[in-house]
Amino acid sequence: MSSSAPPHPGPPPRRALFVDRDGTLNPDLRYLREADKLELTRGVGDTLSLVREHGYLVVCVTNQSGIERGFYTDEDVARIHRRLNELLSPHRAKVDAFYYCPHAPEHGCDCRKPRTRLFEQAREEWNIEFGSSAVVGDRAIDVQAGRTLGLLTALVPPRGHEEEVRNEMKELGQYADIEAATFAAAAGRILARG
């Protein structure tokens, strides 16, 4: 007979909204280096505030191959992420955690989307339950990663590139659970699912 106390349960798993960065949270300026050039995509601040009110963590997972290509540094990326949260602050919103892959596609790493290592790292570090979480992005790789992990997937194609992204999805045999014209609309449909 054991006299030890029963194991103390840890905190319950949390749900997260995984978000892409360039083209989703902010306009894609191609290899952005200067934090002062960063701006939020319209509606993102108020939407992330609402998402957090519904109990979601906000976790950004982004490919930043410009580091390996020599266009900018890890420090530049850190400054951009700090600036992003500064821009979100007046909306009572923030990104809880940023994860980024610094490698070019030809590197063949397992942290570059659509591979899932960074999502799995976030799950371990933040006790995230994938089954009640979602991902929003602007490209097929965001949807691919989400579907691999069993996340609810939402696609917000860049304005003017909708057909290009849909064709890419079709070629890959992928589909998103939700397709919306704006980040706010995508998040609203995720929240409506409970």
N, C-alpha and C. Protein backbone atom coordinates (compact mmCIF):
# COMPACT_ATOMS: atom_id res chain seq x y z
N MET A 1 0.85 -1.18 0.00
CA MET A 1 0.00 0.00 0.00
C MET A 1 0.89 1.24 0.00
N SER A 2 0.55 2.18 -0.85
CA SER A 2 1.35 3.39 -0.98
C SER A 2 0.77 4.49 -0.10
N SER A 3 1.66 5.19 0.56
CA SER A 3 1.20 6.29 1.40
C SER A 3 1.36 7.64 0.68
N SER A 4 1.84 7.59 -0.57
CA SER A 4 2.04 8.86 -1.28
C SER A 4 0.70 9.44 -1.73
N ALA A 5 0.66 10.74 -1.80
CA ALA A 5 -0.56 11.43 -2.23
C ALA A 5 -0.76 11.23 -3.73
N PRO A 6 -2.02 11.30 -4.17
CA PRO A 6 -2.26 11.16 -5.62
C PRO A 6 -1.57 12.29 -6.37
N PRO A 7 -1.18 12.04 -7.63
CA PRO A 7 -0.49 13.08 -8.39
C PRO A 7 -1.38 14.31 -8.53
N HIS A 8 -0.75 15.46 -8.38
CA HIS A 8 -1.49 16.72 -8.50
C HIS A 8 -1.65 17.04 -9.99
N PRO A 9 -2.88 17.23 -10.44
CA PRO A 9 -3.06 17.50 -11.87
C PRO A 9 -2.48 18.87 -12.24
N GLY A 10 -1.90 18.94 -13.44
CA GLY A 10 -1.35 20.20 -13.92
C GLY A 10 -2.47 21.10 -14.44
N PRO A 11 -2.12 22.25 -14.93
CA PRO A 11 -3.14 23.14 -15.46
C PRO A 11 -3.82 22.52 -16.68
N PRO A 12 -5.08 22.83 -16.90
CA PRO A 12 -5.77 22.25 -18.06
C PRO A 12 -5.15 22.77 -19.36
N PRO A 13 -5.22 21.96 -20.41
CA PRO A 13 -4.69 22.42 -21.70
C PRO A 13 -5.42 23.68 -22.16
N ARG A 14 -4.72 24.49 -22.92
CA ARG A 14 -5.28 25.75 -23.41
C ARG A 14 -5.50 25.66 -24.91
N ARG A 15 -6.38 26.52 -25.40
CA ARG A 15 -6.56 26.60 -26.85
C ARG A 15 -5.84 27.83 -27.36
N ALA A 16 -5.41 27.75 -28.62
CA ALA A 16 -4.65 28.84 -29.20
C ALA A 16 -5.16 29.15 -30.59
N LEU A 17 -5.01 30.40 -30.96
CA LEU A 17 -5.16 30.81 -32.34
C LEU A 17 -3.75 31.02 -32.87
N PHE A 18 -3.32 30.12 -33.75
CA PHE A 18 -2.04 30.27 -34.41
C PHE A 18 -2.24 31.19 -35.61
N VAL A 19 -1.35 32.16 -35.76
CA VAL A 19 -1.49 33.13 -36.85
C VAL A 19 -0.17 33.23 -37.61
N ASP A 20 -0.30 33.40 -38.90
CA ASP A 20 0.84 33.75 -39.73
C ASP A 20 1.15 35.23 -39.47
N ARG A 21 2.33 35.69 -39.87
CA ARG A 21 2.66 37.10 -39.68
C ARG A 21 2.47 37.91 -40.96
N ASP A 22 3.43 37.82 -41.88
CA ASP A 22 3.40 38.66 -43.08
C ASP A 22 2.27 38.23 -44.01
N GLY A 23 1.41 39.19 -44.32
CA GLY A 23 0.25 38.90 -45.15
C GLY A 23 -0.98 38.56 -44.35
N THR A 24 -0.81 38.39 -43.03
CA THR A 24 -1.94 38.07 -42.15
C THR A 24 -2.09 39.14 -41.06
N LEU A 25 -1.12 39.22 -40.15
CA LEU A 25 -1.18 40.25 -39.11
C LEU A 25 -0.80 41.63 -39.66
N ASN A 26 0.12 41.63 -40.61
CA ASN A 26 0.60 42.87 -41.21
C ASN A 26 0.75 42.67 -42.72
N PRO A 27 0.69 43.75 -43.48
CA PRO A 27 0.90 43.62 -44.93
C PRO A 27 2.27 43.02 -45.21
N ASP A 28 2.35 42.18 -46.24
CA ASP A 28 3.61 41.53 -46.60
C ASP A 28 4.45 42.50 -47.42
N LEU A 29 5.50 43.03 -46.80
CA LEU A 29 6.39 43.99 -47.46
C LEU A 29 7.65 43.32 -48.01
N ARG A 30 7.68 42.00 -48.04
CA ARG A 30 8.80 41.24 -48.60
C ARG A 30 10.12 41.56 -47.89
N TYR A 31 10.53 40.65 -47.05
CA TYR A 31 11.80 40.76 -46.33
C TYR A 31 11.89 42.06 -45.52
N LEU A 32 10.84 42.31 -44.76
CA LEU A 32 10.80 43.50 -43.91
C LEU A 32 11.93 43.47 -42.89
N ARG A 33 12.69 44.56 -42.83
CA ARG A 33 13.80 44.67 -41.89
C ARG A 33 13.58 45.76 -40.85
N GLU A 34 12.97 46.87 -41.25
CA GLU A 34 12.83 48.02 -40.38
C GLU A 34 11.51 47.97 -39.63
N ALA A 35 11.59 47.92 -38.31
CA ALA A 35 10.39 47.81 -37.48
C ALA A 35 9.47 49.01 -37.65
N ASP A 36 10.04 50.19 -37.94
CA ASP A 36 9.19 51.38 -38.05
C ASP A 36 8.34 51.39 -39.32
N LYS A 37 8.59 50.45 -40.23
CA LYS A 37 7.76 50.34 -41.43
C LYS A 37 6.57 49.39 -41.23
N LEU A 38 6.55 48.72 -40.09
CA LEU A 38 5.50 47.75 -39.82
C LEU A 38 4.17 48.44 -39.56
N GLU A 39 3.10 47.90 -40.11
CA GLU A 39 1.76 48.36 -39.78
C GLU A 39 0.84 47.15 -39.69
N LEU A 40 -0.21 47.28 -38.92
CA LEU A 40 -1.16 46.18 -38.77
C LEU A 40 -2.09 46.13 -39.97
N THR A 41 -2.47 44.93 -40.34
CA THR A 41 -3.55 44.76 -41.30
C THR A 41 -4.84 45.28 -40.65
N ARG A 42 -5.66 45.92 -41.45
CA ARG A 42 -6.89 46.53 -40.92
C ARG A 42 -7.74 45.51 -40.16
N GLY A 43 -8.15 45.90 -38.96
CA GLY A 43 -9.02 45.07 -38.14
C GLY A 43 -8.33 44.07 -37.25
N VAL A 44 -7.02 43.89 -37.43
CA VAL A 44 -6.30 42.86 -36.68
C VAL A 44 -6.29 43.15 -35.18
N GLY A 45 -6.06 44.41 -34.79
CA GLY A 45 -5.97 44.73 -33.37
C GLY A 45 -7.25 44.41 -32.62
N ASP A 46 -8.38 44.90 -33.10
CA ASP A 46 -9.65 44.64 -32.43
C ASP A 46 -10.01 43.17 -32.47
N THR A 47 -9.67 42.51 -33.56
CA THR A 47 -9.98 41.08 -33.69
C THR A 47 -9.19 40.26 -32.68
N LEU A 48 -7.89 40.54 -32.54
CA LEU A 48 -7.10 39.78 -31.57
C LEU A 48 -7.54 40.06 -30.15
N SER A 49 -8.01 41.27 -29.87
CA SER A 49 -8.56 41.56 -28.55
C SER A 49 -9.77 40.66 -28.27
N LEU A 50 -10.63 40.52 -29.26
CA LEU A 50 -11.82 39.67 -29.11
C LEU A 50 -11.43 38.20 -28.95
N VAL A 51 -10.46 37.76 -29.73
CA VAL A 51 -9.98 36.38 -29.65
C VAL A 51 -9.46 36.08 -28.24
N ARG A 52 -8.70 37.00 -27.68
CA ARG A 52 -8.16 36.79 -26.34
C ARG A 52 -9.27 36.81 -25.28
N GLU A 53 -10.29 37.66 -25.49
CA GLU A 53 -11.43 37.68 -24.57
C GLU A 53 -12.14 36.33 -24.55
N HIS A 54 -12.07 35.61 -25.65
CA HIS A 54 -12.69 34.28 -25.73
C HIS A 54 -11.76 33.18 -25.21
N GLY A 55 -10.66 33.56 -24.59
CA GLY A 55 -9.80 32.59 -23.92
C GLY A 55 -8.72 31.95 -24.77
N TYR A 56 -8.48 32.47 -25.96
CA TYR A 56 -7.44 31.92 -26.82
C TYR A 56 -6.09 32.59 -26.54
N LEU A 57 -5.04 31.80 -26.51
CA LEU A 57 -3.70 32.33 -26.66
C LEU A 57 -3.53 32.74 -28.11
N VAL A 58 -2.69 33.72 -28.38
CA VAL A 58 -2.37 34.09 -29.75
C VAL A 58 -0.89 33.76 -29.97
N VAL A 59 -0.64 32.86 -30.91
CA VAL A 59 0.71 32.37 -31.17
C VAL A 59 1.03 32.59 -32.64
N CYS A 60 2.07 33.34 -32.91
CA CYS A 60 2.48 33.62 -34.29
C CYS A 60 3.57 32.64 -34.70
N VAL A 61 3.35 31.97 -35.83
CA VAL A 61 4.36 31.07 -36.41
C VAL A 61 4.64 31.59 -37.82
N THR A 62 5.89 31.95 -38.07
CA THR A 62 6.23 32.61 -39.32
C THR A 62 7.54 32.10 -39.91
N ASN A 63 7.57 31.99 -41.23
CA ASN A 63 8.81 31.67 -41.95
C ASN A 63 9.56 32.97 -42.21
N GLN A 64 10.81 33.04 -41.81
CA GLN A 64 11.63 34.23 -42.01
C GLN A 64 12.96 33.86 -42.66
N SER A 65 12.87 33.40 -43.90
CA SER A 65 14.07 32.95 -44.62
C SER A 65 15.04 34.10 -44.89
N GLY A 66 14.58 35.34 -44.75
CA GLY A 66 15.47 36.49 -44.95
C GLY A 66 16.66 36.47 -44.03
N ILE A 67 16.56 35.76 -42.90
CA ILE A 67 17.71 35.66 -41.98
C ILE A 67 18.82 34.85 -42.65
N GLU A 68 18.51 33.65 -43.11
CA GLU A 68 19.54 32.83 -43.74
C GLU A 68 20.03 33.46 -45.05
N ARG A 69 19.14 34.18 -45.73
CA ARG A 69 19.52 34.82 -46.99
C ARG A 69 20.35 36.09 -46.76
N GLY A 70 20.45 36.54 -45.51
CA GLY A 70 21.27 37.70 -45.19
C GLY A 70 20.58 39.05 -45.36
N PHE A 71 19.26 39.06 -45.50
CA PHE A 71 18.53 40.32 -45.67
C PHE A 71 18.30 41.04 -44.35
N TYR A 72 18.23 40.28 -43.26
CA TYR A 72 18.06 40.86 -41.93
C TYR A 72 18.51 39.84 -40.91
N THR A 73 18.49 40.23 -39.64
CA THR A 73 19.05 39.41 -38.56
C THR A 73 17.96 38.97 -37.58
N ASP A 74 18.35 38.08 -36.68
CA ASP A 74 17.44 37.68 -35.59
C ASP A 74 17.03 38.90 -34.77
N GLU A 75 17.96 39.82 -34.56
CA GLU A 75 17.67 41.03 -33.78
C GLU A 75 16.62 41.89 -34.51
N ASP A 76 16.72 41.97 -35.84
CA ASP A 76 15.71 42.71 -36.60
C ASP A 76 14.33 42.10 -36.41
N VAL A 77 14.27 40.77 -36.46
CA VAL A 77 12.99 40.08 -36.28
C VAL A 77 12.44 40.34 -34.88
N ALA A 78 13.31 40.29 -33.88
CA ALA A 78 12.87 40.57 -32.50
C ALA A 78 12.32 41.99 -32.38
N ARG A 79 12.96 42.96 -33.02
CA ARG A 79 12.47 44.35 -33.00
C ARG A 79 11.09 44.44 -33.67
N ILE A 80 10.92 43.74 -34.78
CA ILE A 80 9.63 43.76 -35.48
C ILE A 80 8.55 43.15 -34.59
N HIS A 81 8.86 42.09 -33.89
CA HIS A 81 7.86 41.45 -33.03
C HIS A 81 7.52 42.34 -31.83
N ARG A 82 8.51 43.02 -31.28
CA ARG A 82 8.21 43.98 -30.21
C ARG A 82 7.31 45.10 -30.74
N ARG A 83 7.63 45.59 -31.94
CA ARG A 83 6.83 46.66 -32.54
C ARG A 83 5.41 46.19 -32.82
N LEU A 84 5.26 44.96 -33.25
CA LEU A 84 3.92 44.43 -33.51
C LEU A 84 3.08 44.47 -32.24
N ASN A 85 3.65 44.05 -31.13
CA ASN A 85 2.90 44.10 -29.87
C ASN A 85 2.67 45.53 -29.39
N GLU A 86 3.59 46.43 -29.69
CA GLU A 86 3.34 47.85 -29.37
C GLU A 86 2.13 48.37 -30.15
N LEU A 87 2.01 47.99 -31.42
CA LEU A 87 0.88 48.43 -32.24
C LEU A 87 -0.43 47.79 -31.78
N LEU A 88 -0.35 46.59 -31.21
CA LEU A 88 -1.54 45.90 -30.73
C LEU A 88 -2.00 46.43 -29.36
N SER A 89 -1.08 46.98 -28.59
CA SER A 89 -1.38 47.38 -27.22
C SER A 89 -2.57 48.33 -27.07
N PRO A 90 -2.73 49.37 -27.91
CA PRO A 90 -3.89 50.25 -27.77
C PRO A 90 -5.23 49.53 -27.96
N HIS A 91 -5.19 48.37 -28.60
CA HIS A 91 -6.40 47.57 -28.82
C HIS A 91 -6.63 46.57 -27.69
N ARG A 92 -5.78 46.63 -26.65
CA ARG A 92 -5.81 45.65 -25.56
C ARG A 92 -5.63 44.24 -26.12
N ALA A 93 -4.67 44.12 -27.01
CA ALA A 93 -4.37 42.83 -27.65
C ALA A 93 -2.87 42.62 -27.66
N LYS A 94 -2.46 41.38 -27.86
CA LYS A 94 -1.04 41.09 -28.02
C LYS A 94 -0.89 39.68 -28.60
N VAL A 95 0.29 39.43 -29.13
CA VAL A 95 0.69 38.08 -29.49
C VAL A 95 1.43 37.52 -28.29
N ASP A 96 0.96 36.39 -27.78
CA ASP A 96 1.56 35.81 -26.58
C ASP A 96 2.94 35.22 -26.84
N ALA A 97 3.15 34.68 -28.04
CA ALA A 97 4.44 34.06 -28.35
C ALA A 97 4.68 34.10 -29.85
N PHE A 98 5.94 34.31 -30.20
CA PHE A 98 6.37 34.29 -31.60
C PHE A 98 7.34 33.13 -31.80
N TYR A 99 7.14 32.40 -32.88
CA TYR A 99 8.06 31.33 -33.28
C TYR A 99 8.37 31.56 -34.76
N TYR A 100 9.65 31.51 -35.11
CA TYR A 100 9.97 31.73 -36.52
C TYR A 100 11.07 30.79 -36.99
N CYS A 101 10.99 30.45 -38.25
CA CYS A 101 12.01 29.64 -38.91
C CYS A 101 12.93 30.59 -39.67
N PRO A 102 14.24 30.55 -39.41
CA PRO A 102 15.17 31.45 -40.09
C PRO A 102 15.74 30.90 -41.39
N HIS A 103 15.30 29.71 -41.79
CA HIS A 103 15.96 29.00 -42.88
C HIS A 103 15.29 29.23 -44.24
N ALA A 104 16.10 29.17 -45.28
CA ALA A 104 15.60 29.19 -46.64
C ALA A 104 14.97 27.83 -46.96
N PRO A 105 14.03 27.77 -47.91
CA PRO A 105 13.34 26.50 -48.21
C PRO A 105 14.31 25.36 -48.54
N GLU A 106 15.40 25.68 -49.25
CA GLU A 106 16.33 24.63 -49.67
C GLU A 106 17.10 24.02 -48.51
N HIS A 107 17.00 24.61 -47.32
CA HIS A 107 17.67 24.10 -46.12
C HIS A 107 17.09 22.74 -45.71
N GLY A 108 15.80 22.54 -46.01
CA GLY A 108 15.16 21.26 -45.70
C GLY A 108 14.91 21.04 -44.22
N CYS A 109 14.75 22.12 -43.45
CA CYS A 109 14.55 21.99 -42.01
C CYS A 109 13.13 21.53 -41.69
N ASP A 110 12.92 21.13 -40.44
CA ASP A 110 11.58 20.71 -40.04
C ASP A 110 10.84 21.81 -39.28
N CYS A 111 11.43 23.02 -39.25
CA CYS A 111 10.74 24.13 -38.56
C CYS A 111 10.06 25.07 -39.56
N ARG A 112 10.33 24.91 -40.84
CA ARG A 112 9.73 25.80 -41.84
C ARG A 112 8.36 25.27 -42.23
N LYS A 113 7.34 26.13 -42.11
CA LYS A 113 6.00 25.72 -42.57
C LYS A 113 6.08 25.34 -44.05
N PRO A 114 5.42 24.27 -44.45
CA PRO A 114 4.31 23.60 -43.79
C PRO A 114 4.70 22.53 -42.77
N ARG A 115 5.98 22.34 -42.49
CA ARG A 115 6.35 21.41 -41.42
C ARG A 115 5.93 22.00 -40.08
N THR A 116 5.91 21.18 -39.07
CA THR A 116 5.14 21.53 -37.88
C THR A 116 5.94 21.66 -36.58
N ARG A 117 7.26 21.63 -36.67
CA ARG A 117 8.04 21.61 -35.43
C ARG A 117 7.77 22.81 -34.53
N LEU A 118 7.60 24.01 -35.10
CA LEU A 118 7.38 25.19 -34.26
C LEU A 118 6.02 25.16 -33.58
N PHE A 119 5.02 24.62 -34.26
CA PHE A 119 3.69 24.46 -33.64
C PHE A 119 3.79 23.48 -32.47
N GLU A 120 4.54 22.39 -32.68
CA GLU A 120 4.69 21.40 -31.62
C GLU A 120 5.48 21.96 -30.45
N GLN A 121 6.47 22.79 -30.73
CA GLN A 121 7.22 23.45 -29.65
C GLN A 121 6.29 24.35 -28.84
N ALA A 122 5.45 25.10 -29.54
CA ALA A 122 4.49 25.96 -28.84
C ALA A 122 3.54 25.13 -27.98
N ARG A 123 3.09 23.99 -28.51
CA ARG A 123 2.19 23.13 -27.74
C ARG A 123 2.85 22.70 -26.44
N GLU A 124 4.11 22.31 -26.51
CA GLU A 124 4.81 21.85 -25.31
C GLU A 124 5.02 23.00 -24.32
N GLU A 125 5.40 24.15 -24.82
CA GLU A 125 5.75 25.27 -23.94
C GLU A 125 4.54 25.98 -23.34
N TRP A 126 3.40 25.89 -24.02
CA TRP A 126 2.20 26.61 -23.56
C TRP A 126 1.04 25.68 -23.20
N ASN A 127 1.27 24.37 -23.22
CA ASN A 127 0.22 23.40 -22.87
C ASN A 127 -1.04 23.61 -23.73
N ILE A 128 -0.83 23.60 -25.04
CA ILE A 128 -1.90 23.86 -26.00
C ILE A 128 -2.53 22.55 -26.46
N GLU A 129 -3.82 22.56 -26.55
CA GLU A 129 -4.57 21.42 -27.09
C GLU A 129 -4.91 21.73 -28.55
N PHE A 130 -4.33 20.97 -29.46
CA PHE A 130 -4.55 21.22 -30.88
C PHE A 130 -6.01 21.03 -31.29
N GLY A 131 -6.69 20.06 -30.68
CA GLY A 131 -8.06 19.75 -31.08
C GLY A 131 -9.05 20.89 -30.91
N SER A 132 -8.74 21.84 -30.02
CA SER A 132 -9.63 22.98 -29.81
C SER A 132 -9.01 24.29 -30.31
N SER A 133 -7.92 24.18 -31.07
CA SER A 133 -7.20 25.35 -31.55
C SER A 133 -7.40 25.53 -33.05
N ALA A 134 -6.92 26.66 -33.56
CA ALA A 134 -7.12 26.99 -34.98
C ALA A 134 -5.89 27.72 -35.51
N VAL A 135 -5.80 27.80 -36.83
CA VAL A 135 -4.73 28.54 -37.49
C VAL A 135 -5.34 29.41 -38.58
N VAL A 136 -4.82 30.64 -38.70
CA VAL A 136 -5.22 31.55 -39.77
C VAL A 136 -3.97 31.99 -40.52
N GLY A 137 -4.02 31.86 -41.83
CA GLY A 137 -2.90 32.30 -42.65
C GLY A 137 -3.36 32.70 -44.03
N ASP A 138 -2.41 33.14 -44.84
CA ASP A 138 -2.74 33.64 -46.17
C ASP A 138 -2.28 32.72 -47.29
N ARG A 139 -1.66 31.60 -46.92
CA ARG A 139 -1.11 30.71 -47.96
C ARG A 139 -1.40 29.25 -47.65
N ALA A 140 -1.21 28.44 -48.68
CA ALA A 140 -1.48 27.01 -48.55
C ALA A 140 -0.63 26.37 -47.46
N ILE A 141 0.60 26.86 -47.26
CA ILE A 141 1.46 26.23 -46.25
C ILE A 141 0.88 26.34 -44.85
N ASP A 142 0.15 27.42 -44.59
CA ASP A 142 -0.48 27.59 -43.27
C ASP A 142 -1.58 26.54 -43.08
N VAL A 143 -2.35 26.33 -44.14
CA VAL A 143 -3.43 25.33 -44.09
C VAL A 143 -2.84 23.93 -43.99
N GLN A 144 -1.79 23.65 -44.77
CA GLN A 144 -1.15 22.33 -44.71
C GLN A 144 -0.69 22.00 -43.29
N ALA A 145 0.00 22.94 -42.67
CA ALA A 145 0.50 22.71 -41.31
C ALA A 145 -0.67 22.46 -40.36
N GLY A 146 -1.70 23.27 -40.46
CA GLY A 146 -2.85 23.12 -39.59
C GLY A 146 -3.55 21.79 -39.76
N ARG A 147 -3.72 21.37 -41.00
CA ARG A 147 -4.42 20.10 -41.25
C ARG A 147 -3.58 18.92 -40.73
N THR A 148 -2.28 19.00 -40.88
CA THR A 148 -1.40 17.94 -40.36
C THR A 148 -1.59 17.76 -38.85
N LEU A 149 -1.82 18.87 -38.15
CA LEU A 149 -1.90 18.84 -36.68
C LEU A 149 -3.33 18.71 -36.17
N GLY A 150 -4.31 18.70 -37.05
CA GLY A 150 -5.70 18.59 -36.61
C GLY A 150 -6.29 19.88 -36.11
N LEU A 151 -5.71 21.02 -36.53
CA LEU A 151 -6.25 22.34 -36.17
C LEU A 151 -7.40 22.69 -37.10
N LEU A 152 -8.31 23.52 -36.63
CA LEU A 152 -9.28 24.17 -37.51
C LEU A 152 -8.49 25.15 -38.37
N THR A 153 -8.69 25.11 -39.69
CA THR A 153 -7.87 25.93 -40.58
C THR A 153 -8.69 27.02 -41.24
N ALA A 154 -8.11 28.22 -41.31
CA ALA A 154 -8.76 29.35 -41.96
C ALA A 154 -7.77 30.02 -42.91
N LEU A 155 -8.24 30.28 -44.11
CA LEU A 155 -7.42 30.89 -45.15
C LEU A 155 -7.98 32.27 -45.48
N VAL A 156 -7.09 33.26 -45.48
CA VAL A 156 -7.45 34.62 -45.90
C VAL A 156 -6.49 34.98 -47.04
N PRO A 157 -6.85 34.67 -48.28
CA PRO A 157 -5.92 34.91 -49.39
C PRO A 157 -5.63 36.41 -49.56
N PRO A 158 -4.42 36.75 -49.97
CA PRO A 158 -4.11 38.16 -50.21
C PRO A 158 -5.03 38.74 -51.28
N ARG A 159 -5.49 39.95 -51.04
CA ARG A 159 -6.38 40.60 -52.01
C ARG A 159 -5.69 40.68 -53.37
N GLY A 160 -6.41 40.26 -54.39
CA GLY A 160 -5.87 40.26 -55.74
C GLY A 160 -5.14 38.97 -56.10
N HIS A 161 -4.93 38.09 -55.11
CA HIS A 161 -4.22 36.83 -55.36
C HIS A 161 -5.07 35.62 -54.97
N GLU A 162 -6.37 35.84 -54.86
CA GLU A 162 -7.26 34.76 -54.40
C GLU A 162 -7.19 33.53 -55.29
N GLU A 163 -7.27 33.73 -56.61
CA GLU A 163 -7.26 32.58 -57.52
C GLU A 163 -5.92 31.85 -57.48
N GLU A 164 -4.84 32.61 -57.40
CA GLU A 164 -3.50 32.01 -57.32
C GLU A 164 -3.40 31.09 -56.11
N VAL A 165 -3.89 31.56 -54.95
CA VAL A 165 -3.82 30.75 -53.73
C VAL A 165 -4.76 29.55 -53.83
N ARG A 166 -5.95 29.76 -54.38
CA ARG A 166 -6.89 28.62 -54.54
C ARG A 166 -6.30 27.56 -55.46
N ASN A 167 -5.64 27.98 -56.53
CA ASN A 167 -5.02 27.01 -57.44
C ASN A 167 -3.89 26.26 -56.76
N GLU A 168 -3.11 26.97 -55.95
CA GLU A 168 -2.04 26.31 -55.18
C GLU A 168 -2.63 25.27 -54.24
N MET A 169 -3.73 25.62 -53.59
CA MET A 169 -4.40 24.68 -52.69
C MET A 169 -4.87 23.45 -53.46
N LYS A 170 -5.47 23.69 -54.61
CA LYS A 170 -6.00 22.59 -55.42
C LYS A 170 -4.88 21.65 -55.85
N GLU A 171 -3.75 22.22 -56.29
CA GLU A 171 -2.61 21.40 -56.72
C GLU A 171 -2.08 20.54 -55.58
N LEU A 172 -2.14 21.05 -54.37
CA LEU A 172 -1.65 20.31 -53.21
C LEU A 172 -2.70 19.36 -52.64
N GLY A 173 -3.91 19.43 -53.18
CA GLY A 173 -4.99 18.60 -52.66
C GLY A 173 -5.40 19.03 -51.26
N GLN A 174 -5.28 20.32 -50.97
CA GLN A 174 -5.60 20.85 -49.65
C GLN A 174 -6.88 21.69 -49.71
N TYR A 175 -7.52 21.83 -48.59
CA TYR A 175 -8.63 22.77 -48.49
C TYR A 175 -8.65 23.31 -47.06
N ALA A 176 -9.16 24.51 -46.92
CA ALA A 176 -9.28 25.12 -45.60
C ALA A 176 -10.70 24.90 -45.10
N ASP A 177 -10.84 24.77 -43.80
CA ASP A 177 -12.18 24.65 -43.21
C ASP A 177 -12.96 25.94 -43.41
N ILE A 178 -12.24 27.06 -43.38
CA ILE A 178 -12.86 28.38 -43.52
C ILE A 178 -12.04 29.16 -44.54
N GLU A 179 -12.72 29.83 -45.47
CA GLU A 179 -12.05 30.82 -46.31
C GLU A 179 -12.80 32.12 -46.14
N ALA A 180 -12.07 33.20 -45.91
CA ALA A 180 -12.70 34.49 -45.65
C ALA A 180 -11.91 35.59 -46.34
N ALA A 181 -12.56 36.73 -46.55
CA ALA A 181 -11.92 37.86 -47.23
C ALA A 181 -11.05 38.67 -46.29
N THR A 182 -11.31 38.58 -44.99
CA THR A 182 -10.53 39.37 -44.02
C THR A 182 -10.18 38.52 -42.81
N PHE A 183 -9.15 38.96 -42.10
CA PHE A 183 -8.76 38.30 -40.86
C PHE A 183 -9.90 38.33 -39.85
N ALA A 184 -10.57 39.48 -39.75
CA ALA A 184 -11.68 39.62 -38.80
C ALA A 184 -12.79 38.62 -39.11
N ALA A 185 -13.12 38.46 -40.39
CA ALA A 185 -14.19 37.52 -40.77
C ALA A 185 -13.78 36.09 -40.46
N ALA A 186 -12.53 35.74 -40.72
CA ALA A 186 -12.05 34.38 -40.43
C ALA A 186 -12.11 34.10 -38.93
N ALA A 187 -11.61 35.04 -38.13
CA ALA A 187 -11.62 34.85 -36.67
C ALA A 187 -13.04 34.78 -36.14
N GLY A 188 -13.93 35.60 -36.69
CA GLY A 188 -15.34 35.57 -36.26
C GLY A 188 -15.95 34.21 -36.48
N ARG A 189 -15.64 33.58 -37.60
CA ARG A 189 -16.19 32.24 -37.88
C ARG A 189 -15.56 31.18 -36.99
N ILE A 190 -14.29 31.37 -36.64
CA ILE A 190 -13.66 30.44 -35.69
C ILE A 190 -14.34 30.56 -34.33
N LEU A 191 -14.53 31.77 -33.86
CA LEU A 191 -15.14 31.98 -32.55
C LEU A 191 -16.59 31.48 -32.52
N ALA A 192 -17.28 31.59 -33.65
CA ALA A 192 -18.67 31.14 -33.71
C ALA A 192 -18.79 29.63 -33.54
N ARG A 193 -17.70 28.91 -33.78
CA ARG A 193 -17.73 27.45 -33.63
C ARG A 193 -17.57 27.02 -32.18
N GLY A 194 -17.31 28.01 -31.30
CA GLY A 194 -17.24 27.71 -29.87
C GLY A 194 -15.91 27.28 -29.37
